[in-house]
Amino acid sequence: MRVDPGICGFSTHIQAFRNGRRSVRIEIESACDKIQKLSSFLEELNLKSVLSPISKNPVFIGAEKSGCHSCCPIVISVIKAAEVALEIALPKDVQIAFEEP
């Protein structure tokens, strides 16, 4: 998946590859130093970790350790890519758009 995170301009490419029944390998390409660091925490995710609550989810924990902005859309995109690869979610685009008054 390709993610355009907005004003920072660090477009990111995320790939999730299924590794058996309950795990995925994550590959992230981004010019953002923080996302590159996050990627080092996420080589493989299993089903349980993908479905973990925010406080125990390795993606969110890695994002915090990497210094990612709290509303960085790349973080949730990693989880969505993993869910699709694990076939527990369907691939559907997400959009956040500001409406002019």
Protein backbone atom coordinates (compact mmCIF):
# COMPACT_ATOMS: atom_id res chain seq x y z
CA MET A 1 0.00 0.00 0.00
CA ARG A 2 1.05 3.59 -0.56
CA VAL A 3 0.37 6.12 2.18
CA ASP A 4 0.49 9.87 1.72
CA PRO A 5 0.75 11.09 5.32
CA GLY A 6 0.06 14.74 4.59
CA ILE A 7 2.07 17.84 5.33
CA CYS A 8 5.36 16.06 6.15
CA GLY A 9 5.52 14.83 2.55
CA PHE A 10 7.11 11.47 3.43
CA SER A 11 5.08 9.22 1.15
CA THR A 12 5.52 5.66 2.35
CA HIS A 13 5.21 2.23 0.75
CA ILE A 14 4.14 -0.64 3.03
CA GLN A 15 4.05 -4.32 2.11
CA ALA A 16 2.81 -7.16 4.29
CA PHE A 17 3.63 -10.75 3.30
CA ARG A 18 1.94 -13.68 4.96
CA ASN A 19 4.36 -16.06 6.73
CA GLY A 20 2.16 -19.07 7.33
CA ARG A 21 -1.26 -19.00 8.93
CA ARG A 22 -0.85 -16.45 11.69
CA SER A 23 2.07 -14.16 10.97
CA VAL A 24 3.17 -11.52 8.48
CA ARG A 25 6.44 -9.96 7.45
CA ILE A 26 6.34 -6.18 7.11
CA GLU A 27 8.48 -4.15 4.70
CA ILE A 28 8.38 -0.34 4.79
CA GLU A 29 10.03 2.10 2.39
CA SER A 30 10.03 5.71 3.57
CA ALA A 31 12.36 8.71 3.60
CA CYS A 32 11.21 9.48 7.16
CA ASP A 33 13.88 8.61 9.74
CA LYS A 34 11.24 7.83 12.35
CA ILE A 35 9.34 5.45 10.07
CA GLN A 36 12.63 3.75 9.11
CA LYS A 37 13.31 3.22 12.81
CA LEU A 38 9.75 1.93 13.32
CA SER A 39 10.34 -0.55 10.51
CA SER A 40 13.23 -2.09 12.45
CA PHE A 41 10.78 -3.04 15.23
CA LEU A 42 8.28 -4.69 12.88
CA GLU A 43 10.01 -7.39 10.88
CA GLU A 44 7.27 -9.89 11.77
CA LEU A 45 3.86 -9.56 13.38
CA ASN A 46 1.59 -12.37 14.49
CA LEU A 47 -2.19 -12.39 14.64
CA LYS A 48 -2.30 -11.83 18.39
CA SER A 49 0.00 -8.79 18.23
CA VAL A 50 -1.95 -7.24 15.33
CA LEU A 51 -5.17 -7.48 17.36
CA SER A 52 -3.59 -6.30 20.64
CA PRO A 53 -4.93 -3.14 22.29
CA ILE A 54 -2.96 0.07 21.70
CA SER A 55 -1.02 -0.15 24.99
CA LYS A 56 0.25 -3.66 24.13
CA ASN A 57 0.38 -3.45 20.35
CA PRO A 58 3.97 -3.75 19.03
CA VAL A 59 3.23 -1.33 16.18
CA PHE A 60 2.18 1.43 18.57
CA ILE A 61 4.98 0.58 21.01
CA GLY A 62 7.50 0.73 18.15
CA ALA A 63 6.00 4.02 16.96
CA GLU A 64 6.45 5.54 20.41
CA LYS A 65 10.04 4.29 20.70
CA SER A 66 10.74 5.68 17.21
CA GLY A 67 9.39 9.12 18.07
CA CYS A 68 6.52 9.01 15.58
CA HIS A 69 3.95 11.78 15.76
CA SER A 70 0.88 10.64 17.70
CA CYS A 71 -1.43 10.99 14.69
CA CYS A 72 0.92 9.66 12.01
CA PRO A 73 -1.27 7.70 9.58
CA ILE A 74 1.63 5.40 8.69
CA VAL A 75 1.27 3.65 12.05
CA ILE A 76 -2.34 2.59 11.55
CA SER A 77 -1.57 1.77 7.92
CA VAL A 78 0.95 -0.86 9.04
CA ILE A 79 -1.74 -2.53 11.13
CA LYS A 80 -4.26 -2.38 8.28
CA ALA A 81 -1.73 -3.91 5.84
CA ALA A 82 -1.07 -6.74 8.32
CA GLU A 83 -4.81 -7.35 8.79
CA VAL A 84 -5.34 -7.61 5.03
CA ALA A 85 -2.38 -9.98 4.62
CA LEU A 86 -3.77 -12.14 7.43
CA GLU A 87 -7.18 -12.08 5.71
CA ILE A 88 -8.98 -10.64 8.73
CA ALA A 89 -9.82 -7.40 6.90
CA LEU A 90 -10.62 -6.43 3.34
CA PRO A 91 -8.45 -3.99 1.37
CA LYS A 92 -10.42 -0.74 1.30
CA ASP A 93 -9.02 2.77 0.98
CA VAL A 94 -9.25 5.09 3.96
CA GLN A 95 -9.44 8.83 3.61
CA ILE A 96 -9.09 11.70 6.04
CA ALA A 97 -10.06 14.98 4.40
CA PHE A 98 -10.58 18.48 5.72
CA GLU A 99 -13.76 20.16 4.56
CA GLU A 100 -13.74 23.87 3.87
CA PRO A 101 -16.32 25.86 5.88
